[in-house]
Every structure is written in structure tokens, then in C-alpha cells.
Amino acid sequence: MKAAMKTISYRSYGYRALLAGLLMAIAGNAMAQAQPNVSNPMPQSVTPPLSLKPRTTFPKTHTVSPVRHFDNDKLRIGNELDLLIKEAIAQNPDLAAARSNLVAAMARVPVAAMPPDPQIGFRLKDMPTTFSWTRENATEKQVVVQQQYPFPGKLNLRKEIQGKLADITREQLHAITLHLITQVRSAFADLFLVDKSVELAMEQGAMLRDLNEIATEKYKLGPGLQQDILDADVALARTDATLAEFARKRMSREIQLATLLNRDRVSLPPMGVLPDAGLKHSPLELEQIAIEMNPDILARQHDVQREQLSLSLARRGMLPDMSFQLEYGDRQDNLLTGTAGKRNFRPDMLGAVVLFSAPVFYYWKQNEQVIEAEANLARSRFQLAATREQTVGSLRDQVARLSQHEQVALSLKEQVIPLAQTALASAMSAYQVGKVDFVTLLTAQGKLDEFKNLYWQNEAERFKDLALIDEDTGAALTEFGWTQ
């Protein structure tokens, strides 16, 4: 009996142990399904599910064809920009309109020095009501020539005034040219920035694929997480979408550049660098150049000179203008009364008239014109002073911005980016030994990409700063449109 009871107890204990083992296995499977991020080792024969297999290439439906070659020859890129500027100067419609405006202004200069056109007329003098040409001795057929002429010196002043207007138009053409060059250089910098962003995005995609492979390998070996692979896939998809957005931006920049060149389209190879450019003068020298050569300042100076000439002309308003008139009268001979066939000889007549304008309304007319001219001269002088201050202030601001961008570039290049690269390498090593998670690794990669993008954005802005400084100084143009 005791032996039978002992046999039953042994069997009961075995059943209980088997049941406990089955319950633990079921619980373990349930926990594994509910928490796929557990760090229990997986046998090497087990592979990740198909849905979690990392994507190592861009989808086939992607419409962007990333260009693999980026031109890094600064000299060749600079020559390309020179040709674009030269073409814009030759083909831009706004600049062509400004040239035509200058031609018209210059054509008005000699016209201002000419007096009014003479008047030529015909007149019947002392014609009797019988319409007889011979009855009255005073009857004449007259040819009249009349010419008005301003007081000596007025026409010369009017010519000089019109010449100053032509000089103002010439400086306006210069300003439009400088602004066009700035627009071309800025559009070129924007196009470069898009290309550089594409290049960095491609580098980021390559790095993410490497991280994906590392995460997959760790997952296969056991200590890795499936969530890491998903995070890498999401980052790759985001890079894929970013490349598509950059393709649209590049097309937009090309359209902007084509508009400036008056072309249907512009197609430039991808750029990896910008042409060398920098300041050739100190800030004080730049300010002096701007005061002497800035087209807005020069236009204001010509305007002041024009108003000075207008004031001189207004003060001569009281001097009388003259009008000359010359008359030639033709008279016909008539028969003498009571004579047989004898004619009364009547010679032709000459007449001349000189008229002078009388400024009887001087206090209500010429004097008011002098007051107006003095006010216009004062206004032009104030505008010249304001333009100088604005130009110098703008130049100083651009030089300060350029200095800031150069300092930021130096800091990013020599300190921030190397530190971010070191942080990424450290995070990579720490992730491989399991000391940091994959999100930390992605964050380090994202920070490095962010600083690189910031560096090239800063370089593009620095290039634009130099273009704006050249526009403010208004330096003389070379044949390619670059400012000296």
C-alpha cells in the first residue's frame, strides 16, 4: 500500500513539473509576442520577419535620379558664373529697356539747346473790298518769317540741365546692371546650395544604410532590437522624400536664373563648391569707393547739379526773350489815271520787327519760379545726404554680416563639425557594444548633418554678402560684369 502511494506521489510530482514547464513556455511565448524588444538571445538560424527586413535601396517608384558627380573645380565654376553674368547683361529685357531709356535721354540733350522752330506765313496787306491788286498803293502780298529766341545763355542752361538728366539716367542704368549682377550671383548661390543639400542628403542616405546594416547585424546576433531597423527605415524614407523636394527646388532655381538671362531654360551641372570670392579692400576703403562710385549717390549728385542749373535759369526768367520778324511785300504796278498805257511803278516792300517779352508779372510768375527752384535744390541736397548715409549704413551692415558669416564658417569648420564627427564615432562605438540605444546614434548623425547643412548655408549667404557689397560700392564693371 505504501509502495502504491509512493508511486502515485512520484507520478503527481512529475505531472506537476510537466504542467509548470508548459505554463512557463506559454507565458514566455506570450511575453515574446507582446514585447518584441526583449534582449533574450535568438538562435542564429532564426531570421527577422519579412516586414522588418531593412531597405538598403531607394524604392523603384522614386522619381528623383540623384546625380553622383558634383563639380568641385572652383575655376571652372567661376568661369561658368562669368558667362552667365555676361549673358544676363546682354540679354536681360529690363536692362535693355534701361539702355533704350538712356539713348532717349541723350537724344534730348541737343534738342534742349535749340530755339523754337521758325514760323513762315503768307499775308495779304491792305486789300480793298473790291479785291483789286492795283487800286491801292498799300496793297501787298507778304511773306512773313518769324523766329523766337530766348535771352542769350538760357538755351545753354537748358542743354546742361538736360545733360544732367541724361547723367542721372546713365547712373540708373548702372544701378540696374549692378542689381542684375547681384540677382544672378544670388540665384547661382541658391542653386549651389540645393546641389550641396542633395550631396549631403546622399551622404546621409549612405550613412543610414550603414547604420541599418549594423542594426540588422546586431538584431541577427541577438542583442539588437527590431525597432532600430524600423527607425533606420523611417530615416531613409525621410531622406528619399527630401531628395524629391530638392529636385523641385533646383528646378525652381533654374527657372529663376533663366528668367534673368531671358532664356527658356537653364541647365547647369551639379556644383560642389562656389568660386573663390572675398573682399579686396578694407571697410574704410570700401566706404570711400561707395561714396565716389555708388550709382545712387552719383545720381543724387547729378540731381543737385541739375537743380543748381535750374535755379540759375529761373533767376534769368526776368530777362526778356526776343522775337524777330521779317516781312517781304510784293506790290503790282497799276495804270496812271488819264495816261495812255503808262504804269505807276510800285517797288516791293521790306519790313522787320523785333519784340521783347516784358516780365510784368514778375512777382506772381518769375519770382515764384525762383522760390520753387531754391526749394527743389534744398530737397536734392537733403536727398543726397540721406542717400550717402543709407549707402554707407547698408555697406557697414553687409560688411558686419560678412564678418559674422566668416566667423560662423570658421567655428563650424574647425570646431563644431569635427566635434560632431567625434560624437558620431563615439556613439557608433558605444552602440556596437550596447552602451547607447539606436536613437542616440541617429541623433548624433542628425546633428552632424544639421551642422554640415548649416555650414554650406552660411557659405551661400557669405557669397551673397559679397555680391551685395559690390552692389553698394558700385565699382566699375569688367567685361563679364564683375565689379573690380
Protein backbone atom coordinates (compact mmCIF):
# COMPACT_ATOMS: atom_id res chain seq x y z
CA MET A 1 0.00 0.00 0.00
CA LYS A 2 2.77 2.37 0.88
CA ALA A 3 4.60 1.46 -2.29
CA ALA A 4 1.48 2.21 -4.34
CA MET A 5 1.02 5.58 -2.64
CA LYS A 6 4.67 6.45 -3.24
CA THR A 7 4.33 5.57 -6.91
CA ILE A 8 1.27 7.85 -7.19
CA SER A 9 3.07 10.73 -5.45
CA TYR A 10 6.01 10.41 -7.82
CA ARG A 11 3.62 10.48 -10.75
CA SER A 12 1.78 13.52 -9.33
CA TYR A 13 5.05 15.37 -8.86
CA GLY A 14 6.05 14.59 -12.46
CA TYR A 15 2.72 15.84 -13.75
CA ARG A 16 3.04 18.99 -11.72
CA ALA A 17 6.55 19.60 -13.05
CA LEU A 18 5.45 18.98 -16.63
CA LEU A 19 2.46 21.31 -16.21
CA ALA A 20 4.64 24.02 -14.70
CA GLY A 21 7.08 23.72 -17.62
CA LEU A 22 4.23 24.04 -20.15
CA LEU A 23 2.83 27.11 -18.35
CA MET A 24 6.26 28.77 -18.31
CA ALA A 25 6.72 28.09 -22.03
CA ILE A 26 3.28 29.55 -22.83
CA ALA A 27 3.99 32.62 -20.69
CA GLY A 28 7.37 33.07 -22.33
CA ASN A 29 5.83 32.94 -25.80
CA ALA A 30 3.15 35.42 -24.80
CA MET A 31 5.73 37.81 -23.39
CA ALA A 32 7.85 37.47 -26.50
CA GLN A 33 4.85 38.31 -28.70
CA ALA A 34 3.76 41.24 -26.52
CA GLN A 35 7.29 42.64 -26.09
CA PRO A 36 9.37 42.12 -29.22
CA ASN A 37 12.17 44.30 -27.79
CA VAL A 38 13.34 41.74 -25.20
CA SER A 39 17.05 41.16 -25.23
CA ASN A 40 16.90 37.32 -24.98
CA PRO A 41 19.34 35.82 -27.48
CA MET A 42 17.87 34.38 -30.65
CA PRO A 43 19.34 31.32 -32.37
CA GLN A 44 21.38 32.32 -35.43
CA SER A 45 19.13 30.17 -37.62
CA VAL A 46 16.18 32.47 -36.87
CA THR A 47 15.85 35.45 -39.29
CA PRO A 48 13.83 38.62 -38.78
CA PRO A 49 10.30 38.70 -40.14
CA LEU A 50 9.99 39.78 -43.80
CA SER A 51 8.19 43.01 -42.87
CA LEU A 52 11.16 44.12 -40.76
CA LYS A 53 13.84 43.44 -43.35
CA PRO A 54 15.83 46.68 -43.73
CA ARG A 55 15.60 48.58 -47.00
CA THR A 56 19.07 49.19 -48.43
CA THR A 57 17.99 50.89 -51.69
CA PHE A 58 15.54 53.63 -52.64
CA PRO A 59 12.11 52.48 -53.85
CA LYS A 60 11.71 51.85 -57.57
CA THR A 61 8.85 54.36 -57.72
CA HIS A 62 11.22 57.19 -56.77
CA THR A 63 11.17 59.92 -59.43
CA VAL A 64 14.46 61.53 -58.42
CA SER A 65 17.69 60.43 -60.05
CA PRO A 66 20.38 61.60 -57.64
CA VAL A 67 23.39 62.83 -59.55
CA ARG A 68 26.57 61.21 -58.38
CA HIS A 69 29.06 63.71 -59.79
CA PHE A 70 29.49 67.19 -58.32
CA ASP A 71 31.87 69.63 -59.98
CA ASN A 72 34.49 70.76 -57.45
CA ASP A 73 36.68 72.83 -59.78
CA LYS A 74 36.37 76.40 -58.47
CA LEU A 75 37.97 77.93 -61.56
CA ARG A 76 35.59 76.17 -63.96
CA ILE A 77 32.58 77.08 -61.85
CA GLY A 78 33.77 80.70 -61.66
CA ASN A 79 34.09 80.84 -65.45
CA GLU A 80 30.57 79.45 -65.76
CA LEU A 81 29.28 82.22 -63.48
CA ASP A 82 31.17 84.84 -65.51
CA LEU A 83 29.48 83.64 -68.69
CA LEU A 84 26.07 83.72 -67.02
CA ILE A 85 26.62 87.30 -65.87
CA LYS A 86 27.82 88.37 -69.30
CA GLU A 87 24.79 86.77 -70.93
CA ALA A 88 22.43 88.42 -68.44
CA ILE A 89 23.93 91.83 -69.18
CA ALA A 90 23.48 91.23 -72.91
CA GLN A 91 20.02 89.62 -72.87
CA ASN A 92 18.07 90.81 -69.83
CA PRO A 93 14.98 92.75 -71.03
CA ASP A 94 14.88 95.14 -68.07
CA LEU A 95 18.48 96.13 -68.73
CA ALA A 96 17.74 96.51 -72.44
CA ALA A 97 14.85 98.82 -71.59
CA ALA A 98 17.16 100.89 -69.38
CA ARG A 99 19.65 101.20 -72.25
CA SER A 100 16.91 102.43 -74.55
CA ASN A 101 15.87 104.93 -71.90
CA LEU A 102 19.45 106.25 -71.82
CA VAL A 103 19.55 106.58 -75.61
CA ALA A 104 16.33 108.60 -75.47
CA ALA A 105 17.68 110.83 -72.68
CA MET A 106 20.89 111.52 -74.58
CA ALA A 107 18.92 112.37 -77.74
CA ARG A 108 17.06 115.07 -75.80
CA VAL A 109 20.29 116.92 -74.90
CA PRO A 110 20.97 118.65 -78.25
CA VAL A 111 17.25 119.33 -78.68
CA ALA A 112 17.24 121.40 -75.47
CA ALA A 113 19.86 123.76 -76.95
CA MET A 114 17.76 124.62 -79.99
CA PRO A 115 15.37 127.60 -80.15
CA PRO A 116 11.76 127.14 -81.26
CA ASP A 117 11.22 126.39 -84.93
CA PRO A 118 10.75 129.49 -87.10
CA GLN A 119 7.31 130.32 -88.43
CA ILE A 120 6.74 131.09 -92.10
CA GLY A 121 3.45 132.56 -93.32
CA PHE A 122 1.62 134.45 -96.06
CA ARG A 123 -0.35 137.63 -95.52
CA LEU A 124 -2.48 139.98 -97.64
CA LYS A 125 -1.94 143.58 -96.54
CA ASP A 126 -4.42 146.44 -97.15
CA MET A 127 -6.56 144.55 -99.63
CA PRO A 128 -9.58 146.72 -100.69
CA THR A 129 -13.05 145.27 -100.60
CA THR A 130 -13.07 145.36 -104.40
CA PHE A 131 -10.29 142.78 -104.34
CA SER A 132 -8.16 144.86 -106.65
CA TRP A 133 -4.43 144.37 -106.50
CA THR A 134 -3.66 147.74 -108.16
CA ARG A 135 -6.17 150.22 -106.85
CA GLU A 136 -4.44 150.93 -103.53
CA ASN A 137 -0.75 151.57 -103.25
CA ALA A 138 -0.59 149.92 -99.85
CA THR A 139 -1.89 146.57 -101.11
CA GLU A 140 0.78 143.91 -100.77
CA LYS A 141 1.21 140.17 -100.87
CA GLN A 142 3.54 139.50 -97.97
CA VAL A 143 5.74 136.57 -96.96
CA VAL A 144 6.43 136.64 -93.21
CA VAL A 145 9.23 134.81 -91.36
CA GLN A 146 9.19 134.88 -87.56
CA GLN A 147 11.75 133.48 -85.11
CA GLN A 148 11.64 133.42 -81.32
CA TYR A 149 14.90 133.29 -79.43
CA PRO A 150 15.40 133.14 -75.64
CA PHE A 151 17.70 135.59 -73.95
CA PRO A 152 21.37 134.64 -74.53
CA GLY A 153 22.51 131.97 -72.06
CA LYS A 154 19.11 130.39 -71.43
CA LEU A 155 19.44 127.77 -74.16
CA ASN A 156 22.86 126.72 -72.91
CA LEU A 157 21.45 126.30 -69.39
CA ARG A 158 18.58 124.20 -70.72
CA LYS A 159 21.08 121.99 -72.56
CA GLU A 160 23.15 121.49 -69.41
CA ILE A 161 20.02 120.68 -67.41
CA GLN A 162 19.03 118.04 -69.96
CA GLY A 163 22.60 116.72 -69.89
CA LYS A 164 22.34 116.21 -66.14
CA LEU A 165 19.09 114.32 -66.65
CA ALA A 166 20.95 112.07 -69.10
CA ASP A 167 23.68 111.57 -66.49
CA ILE A 168 21.03 110.56 -63.95
CA THR A 169 19.62 108.07 -66.45
CA ARG A 170 23.11 106.68 -67.04
CA GLU A 171 23.59 106.09 -63.31
CA GLN A 172 20.18 104.44 -63.16
CA LEU A 173 21.35 102.07 -65.89
CA HIS A 174 24.47 101.38 -63.82
CA ALA A 175 22.34 100.65 -60.76
CA ILE A 176 20.09 98.27 -62.70
CA THR A 177 23.17 96.49 -64.05
CA LEU A 178 24.65 96.07 -60.58
CA HIS A 179 21.36 94.79 -59.21
CA LEU A 180 21.06 92.32 -62.08
CA ILE A 181 24.55 91.01 -61.35
CA THR A 182 23.62 90.63 -57.69
CA GLN A 183 20.50 88.70 -58.65
CA VAL A 184 22.47 86.34 -60.91
CA ARG A 185 25.10 85.72 -58.24
CA SER A 186 22.43 85.17 -55.58
CA ALA A 187 20.49 82.75 -57.82
CA PHE A 188 23.76 80.96 -58.54
CA ALA A 189 24.42 80.64 -54.80
CA ASP A 190 20.89 79.32 -54.23
CA LEU A 191 21.40 76.74 -56.97
CA PHE A 192 24.70 75.70 -55.41
CA LEU A 193 23.03 75.36 -52.00
CA VAL A 194 20.42 72.99 -53.45
CA ASP A 195 23.16 70.90 -55.08
CA LYS A 196 25.11 70.81 -51.84
CA SER A 197 21.98 69.80 -49.93
CA VAL A 198 21.46 66.96 -52.42
CA GLU A 199 25.06 65.85 -51.95
CA LEU A 200 24.72 65.91 -48.16
CA ALA A 201 21.39 64.05 -48.36
CA MET A 202 23.06 61.34 -50.46
CA GLU A 203 25.87 61.09 -47.92
CA GLN A 204 23.27 60.90 -45.18
CA GLY A 205 21.47 58.11 -47.05
CA ALA A 206 24.72 56.15 -47.39
CA MET A 207 25.42 56.56 -43.67
CA LEU A 208 21.90 55.49 -42.78
CA ARG A 209 22.24 52.39 -44.90
CA ASP A 210 25.44 51.57 -43.00
CA LEU A 211 23.62 52.09 -39.71
CA ASN A 212 20.80 49.93 -40.99
CA GLU A 213 23.22 47.13 -41.72
CA ILE A 214 24.76 47.47 -38.27
CA ALA A 215 21.32 47.38 -36.63
CA THR A 216 20.34 44.35 -38.72
CA GLU A 217 23.52 42.52 -37.84
CA LYS A 218 23.02 43.19 -34.16
CA TYR A 219 19.44 42.01 -34.43
CA LYS A 220 20.54 38.78 -36.08
CA LEU A 221 23.11 38.15 -33.40
CA GLY A 222 20.65 38.78 -30.61
CA PRO A 223 21.35 41.98 -28.65
CA GLY A 224 19.83 44.24 -31.32
CA LEU A 225 16.24 45.49 -31.49
CA GLN A 226 13.80 45.33 -34.37
CA GLN A 227 12.77 48.90 -33.55
CA ASP A 228 16.26 50.05 -34.56
CA ILE A 229 15.74 48.66 -38.03
CA LEU A 230 12.38 50.40 -38.28
CA ASP A 231 13.94 53.71 -37.17
CA ALA A 232 16.62 53.39 -39.83
CA ASP A 233 13.96 52.65 -42.45
CA VAL A 234 12.00 55.73 -41.43
CA ALA A 235 15.12 57.91 -41.66
CA LEU A 236 15.89 56.50 -45.12
CA ALA A 237 12.34 57.20 -46.26
CA ARG A 238 12.64 60.76 -44.97
CA THR A 239 15.89 61.19 -46.94
CA ASP A 240 14.13 59.83 -50.01
CA ALA A 241 11.38 62.45 -49.68
CA THR A 242 13.97 65.16 -49.06
CA LEU A 243 15.71 64.36 -52.34
CA ALA A 244 12.40 64.73 -54.18
CA GLU A 245 11.88 68.15 -52.58
CA PHE A 246 15.40 69.22 -53.55
CA ALA A 247 14.72 68.24 -57.15
CA ARG A 248 11.74 70.62 -57.19
CA LYS A 249 13.81 73.39 -55.59
CA ARG A 250 16.57 73.01 -58.16
CA MET A 251 14.07 73.33 -60.98
CA SER A 252 12.71 76.48 -59.36
CA ARG A 253 16.20 77.98 -59.05
CA GLU A 254 16.94 77.18 -62.70
CA ILE A 255 13.71 78.89 -63.77
CA GLN A 256 14.67 81.96 -61.72
CA LEU A 257 18.10 82.07 -63.36
CA ALA A 258 16.62 81.52 -66.84
CA THR A 259 14.29 84.48 -66.30
CA LEU A 260 17.23 86.74 -65.54
CA LEU A 261 19.01 85.52 -68.68
CA ASN A 262 15.86 85.81 -70.83
CA ARG A 263 16.11 82.11 -71.69
CA ASP A 264 13.55 79.36 -71.85
CA ARG A 265 15.59 77.19 -69.51
CA VAL A 266 18.98 76.87 -67.88
CA SER A 267 20.72 73.56 -67.27
CA LEU A 268 23.85 73.61 -65.14
CA PRO A 269 25.86 70.61 -63.89
CA PRO A 270 25.70 69.95 -60.14
CA MET A 271 28.12 72.10 -58.17
CA GLY A 272 30.12 71.02 -55.17
CA VAL A 273 31.87 74.33 -54.44
CA LEU A 274 31.49 78.06 -55.03
CA PRO A 275 34.00 80.29 -56.85
CA ASP A 276 36.61 82.00 -54.72
CA ALA A 277 35.43 85.45 -53.65
CA GLY A 278 36.45 87.85 -50.94
CA LEU A 279 36.96 91.47 -50.03
CA LYS A 280 39.79 93.25 -51.83
CA HIS A 281 39.65 96.43 -49.74
CA SER A 282 39.36 97.42 -46.10
CA PRO A 283 35.98 98.62 -44.77
CA LEU A 284 37.13 102.26 -44.82
CA GLU A 285 38.31 101.92 -48.41
CA LEU A 286 35.00 100.33 -49.34
CA GLU A 287 33.11 103.27 -47.84
CA GLN A 288 35.22 105.73 -49.83
CA ILE A 289 34.65 103.74 -53.02
CA ALA A 290 30.91 103.70 -52.34
CA ILE A 291 30.79 107.48 -51.85
CA GLU A 292 32.69 108.02 -55.09
CA MET A 293 31.13 105.33 -57.29
CA ASN A 294 27.77 104.22 -55.96
CA PRO A 295 25.26 104.92 -58.76
CA ASP A 296 22.53 106.11 -56.40
CA ILE A 297 24.88 108.65 -54.84
CA LEU A 298 26.15 109.78 -58.24
CA ALA A 299 22.58 110.14 -59.48
CA ARG A 300 21.77 112.34 -56.47
CA GLN A 301 24.86 114.42 -57.14
CA HIS A 302 23.79 114.97 -60.74
CA ASP A 303 20.33 115.86 -59.47
CA VAL A 304 21.80 118.54 -57.18
CA GLN A 305 23.77 119.95 -60.10
CA ARG A 306 20.66 119.93 -62.25
CA GLU A 307 18.71 121.84 -59.62
CA GLN A 308 21.54 124.37 -59.39
CA LEU A 309 21.31 124.95 -63.13
CA SER A 310 17.52 125.17 -62.87
CA LEU A 311 17.92 127.85 -60.21
CA SER A 312 20.25 129.83 -62.49
CA LEU A 313 17.73 129.52 -65.29
CA ALA A 314 14.88 130.63 -63.03
CA ARG A 315 16.85 133.71 -61.95
CA ARG A 316 17.22 134.62 -65.62
CA GLY A 317 13.49 134.44 -66.07
CA MET A 318 13.14 138.21 -65.79
CA LEU A 319 15.50 138.71 -68.74
CA PRO A 320 13.39 139.31 -71.87
CA ASP A 321 13.12 136.75 -74.61
CA MET A 322 13.21 138.07 -78.17
CA SER A 323 11.15 137.56 -81.28
CA PHE A 324 12.37 138.54 -84.75
CA GLN A 325 10.01 139.02 -87.68
CA LEU A 326 10.94 139.71 -91.33
CA GLU A 327 8.38 140.68 -93.96
CA TYR A 328 8.62 140.87 -97.72
CA GLY A 329 5.72 142.60 -99.58
CA ASP A 330 5.06 142.19 -103.27
CA ARG A 331 3.16 145.04 -104.97
CA GLN A 332 1.85 145.22 -108.54
CA ASP A 333 2.21 148.23 -110.83
CA ASN A 334 -1.00 150.00 -111.89
CA LEU A 335 -2.03 152.28 -114.79
CA LEU A 336 -1.82 156.00 -114.18
CA THR A 337 -5.13 157.82 -114.37
CA GLY A 338 -5.53 159.92 -117.56
CA THR A 339 -2.49 158.49 -119.31
CA ALA A 340 -2.33 156.20 -122.24
CA GLY A 341 -0.66 152.95 -121.16
CA LYS A 342 1.68 154.46 -118.69
CA ARG A 343 2.08 152.47 -115.46
CA ASN A 344 2.74 153.59 -111.96
CA PHE A 345 5.83 151.72 -110.79
CA ARG A 346 5.42 150.39 -107.24
CA PRO A 347 8.51 148.74 -105.72
CA ASP A 348 8.29 145.77 -103.37
CA MET A 349 8.46 146.46 -99.64
CA LEU A 350 10.52 145.04 -96.79
CA GLY A 351 9.62 145.07 -93.12
CA ALA A 352 11.26 143.91 -89.86
CA VAL A 353 10.01 143.66 -86.31
CA VAL A 354 11.89 142.92 -83.06
CA LEU A 355 9.81 142.09 -79.97
CA PHE A 356 10.88 141.63 -76.36
CA SER A 357 8.93 139.85 -73.64
CA ALA A 358 8.04 142.12 -70.72
CA PRO A 359 8.06 140.41 -67.26
CA VAL A 360 5.19 142.49 -65.95
CA PHE A 361 4.02 139.55 -63.81
CA TYR A 362 7.44 139.02 -62.22
CA TYR A 363 6.24 138.84 -58.58
CA TRP A 364 3.50 136.36 -59.46
CA LYS A 365 5.44 134.29 -62.00
CA GLN A 366 9.24 134.52 -62.33
CA ASN A 367 9.77 135.21 -58.62
CA GLU A 368 7.68 132.15 -57.69
CA GLN A 369 9.73 130.08 -60.12
CA VAL A 370 12.90 131.18 -58.32
CA ILE A 371 11.38 130.16 -54.96
CA GLU A 372 10.42 126.78 -56.41
CA ALA A 373 13.93 126.23 -57.81
CA GLU A 374 15.52 127.08 -54.45
CA ALA A 375 13.22 124.62 -52.66
CA ASN A 376 14.00 121.88 -55.20
CA LEU A 377 17.73 122.48 -54.74
CA ALA A 378 17.41 122.20 -50.95
CA ARG A 379 15.40 118.99 -51.34
CA SER A 380 18.01 117.48 -53.67
CA ARG A 381 20.80 118.28 -51.22
CA PHE A 382 18.92 116.63 -48.36
CA GLN A 383 18.24 113.58 -50.54
CA LEU A 384 21.93 113.37 -51.44
CA ALA A 385 22.91 113.42 -47.76
CA ALA A 386 20.30 110.79 -46.93
CA THR A 387 21.42 108.56 -49.82
CA ARG A 388 25.02 108.75 -48.66
CA GLU A 389 24.05 107.81 -45.12
CA GLN A 390 21.86 104.95 -46.31
CA THR A 391 24.52 103.60 -48.66
CA VAL A 392 27.30 103.75 -46.07
CA GLY A 393 24.98 102.25 -43.44
CA SER A 394 23.97 99.43 -45.77
CA LEU A 395 27.60 98.79 -46.64
CA ARG A 396 28.62 98.65 -42.99
CA ASP A 397 25.76 96.25 -42.27
CA GLN A 398 26.78 93.98 -45.14
CA VAL A 399 30.43 94.02 -44.04
CA ALA A 400 29.32 93.11 -40.50
CA ARG A 401 27.13 90.29 -41.86
CA LEU A 402 30.04 89.05 -43.94
CA SER A 403 32.32 89.08 -40.90
CA GLN A 404 29.71 87.19 -38.89
CA HIS A 405 29.30 84.57 -41.61
CA GLU A 406 33.06 84.16 -41.86
CA GLN A 407 33.32 83.65 -38.08
CA VAL A 408 30.46 81.14 -38.14
CA ALA A 409 32.11 79.28 -41.03
CA LEU A 410 35.40 79.12 -39.15
CA SER A 411 33.69 77.89 -35.99
CA LEU A 412 31.67 75.26 -37.84
CA LYS A 413 34.60 74.05 -39.91
CA GLU A 414 37.24 73.87 -37.20
CA GLN A 415 35.25 73.18 -34.05
CA VAL A 416 31.60 72.23 -34.34
CA ILE A 417 31.72 69.77 -37.25
CA PRO A 418 34.86 67.94 -36.00
CA LEU A 419 33.25 67.63 -32.57
CA ALA A 420 30.02 66.32 -34.14
CA GLN A 421 32.04 63.79 -36.16
CA THR A 422 33.79 62.69 -32.99
CA ALA A 423 30.45 62.41 -31.18
CA LEU A 424 29.05 60.29 -34.02
CA ALA A 425 32.09 57.99 -33.99
CA SER A 426 31.80 57.64 -30.21
CA ALA A 427 28.07 56.91 -30.47
CA MET A 428 28.78 54.33 -33.18
CA SER A 429 31.32 52.53 -30.99
CA ALA A 430 29.04 52.71 -27.96
CA TYR A 431 26.07 51.36 -29.92
CA GLN A 432 28.03 48.40 -31.20
CA VAL A 433 28.86 47.35 -27.64
CA GLY A 434 25.35 48.09 -26.39
CA LYS A 435 26.08 51.15 -24.24
CA VAL A 436 23.70 53.51 -26.08
CA ASP A 437 20.48 52.93 -27.99
CA PHE A 438 19.93 53.40 -31.72
CA VAL A 439 18.02 56.66 -31.25
CA THR A 440 21.13 58.21 -29.73
CA LEU A 441 23.10 57.09 -32.77
CA LEU A 442 20.54 58.59 -35.15
CA THR A 443 20.53 61.81 -33.13
CA ALA A 444 24.30 62.09 -33.42
CA GLN A 445 24.08 61.50 -37.18
CA GLY A 446 21.31 64.08 -37.49
CA LYS A 447 23.33 66.68 -35.58
CA LEU A 448 26.31 66.17 -37.88
CA ASP A 449 24.10 66.54 -40.97
CA GLU A 450 22.49 69.63 -39.48
CA PHE A 451 25.86 71.30 -38.86
CA LYS A 452 27.09 70.43 -42.36
CA ASN A 453 23.95 71.93 -43.89
CA LEU A 454 24.36 74.99 -41.69
CA TYR A 455 27.95 75.39 -42.88
CA TRP A 456 27.02 75.37 -46.56
CA GLN A 457 24.04 77.64 -45.98
CA ASN A 458 26.45 80.01 -44.28
CA GLU A 459 28.81 79.80 -47.28
CA ALA A 460 25.98 80.61 -49.70
CA GLU A 461 24.97 83.60 -47.57
CA ARG A 462 28.59 84.75 -47.46
CA PHE A 463 28.71 84.65 -51.26
CA LYS A 464 25.53 86.73 -51.39
CA ASP A 465 27.00 89.22 -48.91
CA LEU A 466 29.93 89.82 -51.26
CA ALA A 467 27.53 90.42 -54.13
CA LEU A 468 25.57 92.96 -52.09
CA ILE A 469 28.79 94.69 -51.03
CA ASP A 470 29.78 95.02 -54.69
CA GLU A 471 26.36 96.47 -55.44
CA ASP A 472 26.67 99.01 -52.62
CA THR A 473 30.15 100.10 -53.67
CA GLY A 474 29.09 100.40 -57.31
CA ALA A 475 32.61 99.66 -58.51
CA ALA A 476 33.46 99.77 -62.20
CA LEU A 477 32.34 96.72 -64.16
CA THR A 478 34.57 94.37 -66.08
CA GLU A 479 33.55 92.92 -69.42
CA PHE A 480 31.96 89.98 -67.62
CA GLY A 481 30.04 92.20 -65.23
CA TRP A 482 32.14 91.55 -62.14
CA THR A 483 32.89 94.59 -60.02
CA GLN A 484 36.55 95.47 -59.71
